[in-house]
C-alpha atoms as a PDB file:
ATOM      1  CA  MET A   1      46.725  62.448 124.952  1.00  0.00           C
ATOM      2  CA  ARG A   2      45.237  65.636 126.340  1.00  0.00           C
ATOM      3  CA  LEU A   3      41.663  65.755 127.619  1.00  0.00           C
ATOM      4  CA  ALA A   4      40.463  67.867 124.670  1.00  0.00           C
ATOM      5  CA  GLU A   5      41.868  65.302 122.218  1.00  0.00           C
ATOM      6  CA  ARG A   6      40.252  62.425 124.111  1.00  0.00           C
ATOM      7  CA  ILE A   7      36.894  64.212 124.116  1.00  0.00           C
ATOM      8  CA  GLU A   8      37.169  64.856 120.377  1.00  0.00           C
ATOM      9  CA  ALA A   9      37.955  61.187 119.738  1.00  0.00           C
ATOM     10  CA  TRP A  10      35.076  60.130 121.990  1.00  0.00           C
ATOM     11  CA  ALA A  11      32.614  62.467 120.220  1.00  0.00           C
ATOM     12  CA  ALA A  12      33.626  60.951 116.877  1.00  0.00           C
ATOM     13  CA  GLU A  13      32.328  57.597 118.166  1.00  0.00           C
ATOM     14  CA  ASN A  14      28.827  58.948 118.889  1.00  0.00           C
ATOM     15  CA  PRO A  15      26.422  56.297 117.549  1.00  0.00           C
ATOM     16  CA  LEU A  16      24.060  58.913 116.127  1.00  0.00           C
ATOM     17  CA  ARG A  17      26.887  60.769 114.365  1.00  0.00           C
ATOM     18  CA  ARG A  18      28.358  57.543 112.960  1.00  0.00           C
ATOM     19  CA  TRP A  19      24.981  56.481 111.564  1.00  0.00           C
ATOM     20  CA  ARG A  20      24.345  59.944 110.095  1.00  0.00           C
ATOM     21  CA  LEU A  21      27.705  59.971 108.336  1.00  0.00           C
ATOM     22  CA  ARG A  22      27.274  56.410 107.012  1.00  0.00           C
ATOM     23  CA  GLN A  23      23.969  57.533 105.494  1.00  0.00           C
ATOM     24  CA  SER A  24      25.647  60.638 103.998  1.00  0.00           C
ATOM     25  CA  LEU A  25      23.213  62.883 105.854  1.00  0.00           C
ATOM     26  CA  SER A  26      24.083  66.373 106.976  1.00  0.00           C
ATOM     27  CA  GLN A  27      22.947  67.631 110.357  1.00  0.00           C
ATOM     28  CA  LEU A  28      20.429  69.747 108.439  1.00  0.00           C
ATOM     29  CA  ASN A  29      19.058  66.682 106.616  1.00  0.00           C
ATOM     30  CA  LEU A  30      18.682  64.719 109.852  1.00  0.00           C
ATOM     31  CA  SER A  31      17.166  67.644 111.721  1.00  0.00           C
ATOM     32  CA  SER A  32      14.552  68.049 108.979  1.00  0.00           C
ATOM     33  CA  LEU A  33      13.864  64.328 108.993  1.00  0.00           C
ATOM     34  CA  ILE A  34      13.036  64.186 112.694  1.00  0.00           C
ATOM     35  CA  GLY A  35      11.802  67.742 113.286  1.00  0.00           C
ATOM     36  CA  VAL A  36      14.491  69.281 115.474  1.00  0.00           C
ATOM     37  CA  SER A  37      17.039  72.061 115.020  1.00  0.00           C
ATOM     38  CA  THR A  38      20.551  71.491 113.731  1.00  0.00           C
ATOM     39  CA  LYS A  39      21.709  72.884 117.080  1.00  0.00           C
ATOM     40  CA  SER A  40      19.996  69.946 118.824  1.00  0.00           C
ATOM     41  CA  ILE A  41      21.717  67.468 116.520  1.00  0.00           C
ATOM     42  CA  GLY A  42      25.073  69.127 117.230  1.00  0.00           C
ATOM     43  CA  LEU A  43      24.516  69.086 120.990  1.00  0.00           C
ATOM     44  CA  TRP A  44      23.559  65.399 120.869  1.00  0.00           C
ATOM     45  CA  GLU A  45      26.555  64.520 118.723  1.00  0.00           C
ATOM     46  CA  ASN A  46      28.932  66.326 121.094  1.00  0.00           C
ATOM     47  CA  GLY A  47      27.377  64.736 124.168  1.00  0.00           C
ATOM     48  CA  ALA A  48      26.321  68.121 125.552  1.00  0.00           C
ATOM     49  CA  ALA A  49      22.657  67.076 125.551  1.00  0.00           C
ATOM     50  CA  THR A  50      20.683  63.846 125.428  1.00  0.00           C
ATOM     51  CA  PRO A  51      17.673  63.335 123.148  1.00  0.00           C
ATOM     52  CA  SER A  52      14.289  63.205 124.891  1.00  0.00           C
ATOM     53  CA  ASP A  53      12.242  59.999 124.779  1.00  0.00           C
ATOM     54  CA  ASP A  54      10.212  61.407 121.878  1.00  0.00           C
ATOM     55  CA  HIS A  55      13.386  62.285 120.019  1.00  0.00           C
ATOM     56  CA  PHE A  56      14.844  58.819 120.665  1.00  0.00           C
ATOM     57  CA  ASP A  57      11.653  57.408 119.140  1.00  0.00           C
ATOM     58  CA  ALA A  58      11.996  59.663 116.073  1.00  0.00           C
ATOM     59  CA  LEU A  59      15.687  58.803 115.752  1.00  0.00           C
ATOM     60  CA  ALA A  60      14.910  55.100 116.025  1.00  0.00           C
ATOM     61  CA  THR A  61      12.376  55.418 113.205  1.00  0.00           C
ATOM     62  CA  ALA A  62      14.896  57.325 111.074  1.00  0.00           C
ATOM     63  CA  THR A  63      17.747  54.893 111.743  1.00  0.00           C
ATOM     64  CA  GLY A  64      15.730  51.696 111.522  1.00  0.00           C
ATOM     65  CA  ARG A  65      16.724  50.711 115.055  1.00  0.00           C
ATOM     66  CA  THR A  66      14.519  50.030 118.029  1.00  0.00           C
ATOM     67  CA  PRO A  67      14.199  52.851 120.554  1.00  0.00           C
ATOM     68  CA  SER A  68      15.625  50.587 123.271  1.00  0.00           C
ATOM     69  CA  GLY A  69      18.569  49.594 121.073  1.00  0.00           C
ATOM     70  CA  LEU A  70      19.336  53.212 120.321  1.00  0.00           C
ATOM     71  CA  ARG A  71      19.086  54.182 123.999  1.00  0.00           C
ATOM     72  CA  TYR A  72      21.401  51.300 124.930  1.00  0.00           C
ATOM     73  CA  ALA A  73      24.000  52.391 122.333  1.00  0.00           C
ATOM     74  CA  TRP A  74      23.700  55.979 123.582  1.00  0.00           C
ATOM     75  CA  ALA A  75      24.127  54.968 127.237  1.00  0.00           C
ATOM     76  CA  ALA A  76      27.178  52.841 126.413  1.00  0.00           C
ATOM     77  CA  TRP A  77      28.730  55.759 124.533  1.00  0.00           C
ATOM     78  CA  ILE A  78      27.975  58.285 127.319  1.00  0.00           C
ATOM     79  CA  LYS A  79      29.524  55.940 129.882  1.00  0.00           C
ATOM     80  CA  GLN A  80      32.816  56.183 127.972  1.00  0.00           C
ATOM     81  CA  ARG A  81      32.971  60.016 128.198  1.00  0.00           C
ATOM     82  CA  PRO A  82      36.501  61.089 129.133  1.00  0.00           C
ATOM     83  CA  SER A  83      36.961  63.197 132.231  1.00  0.00           C
ATOM     84  CA  ALA A  84      39.810  65.125 133.777  1.00  0.00           C
ATOM     85  CA  ALA A  85      39.848  62.521 136.562  1.00  0.00           C
ATOM     86  CA  THR A  86      41.052  59.868 134.093  1.00  0.00           C
ATOM     87  CA  GLU A  87      44.155  61.856 133.043  1.00  0.00           C
END
């Protein structure tokens, strides 16, 4: 599997994205719910950016998870990011 395909598969496992889709929320719905732009949601879901502590708190409130639980899930997901070195 090429790197681009592995990254796409990895991004699909983003805990925030998976929760959002299970709740049938669009990026626009979630961004309105927590007060950020849809661009921020997209960057978080693609792993290009990490939510700030305040945003983790808002996401935890929205998802019904604890901030620490959400940060742990995020860190575990980030750790799995594919790289060219693993090809």
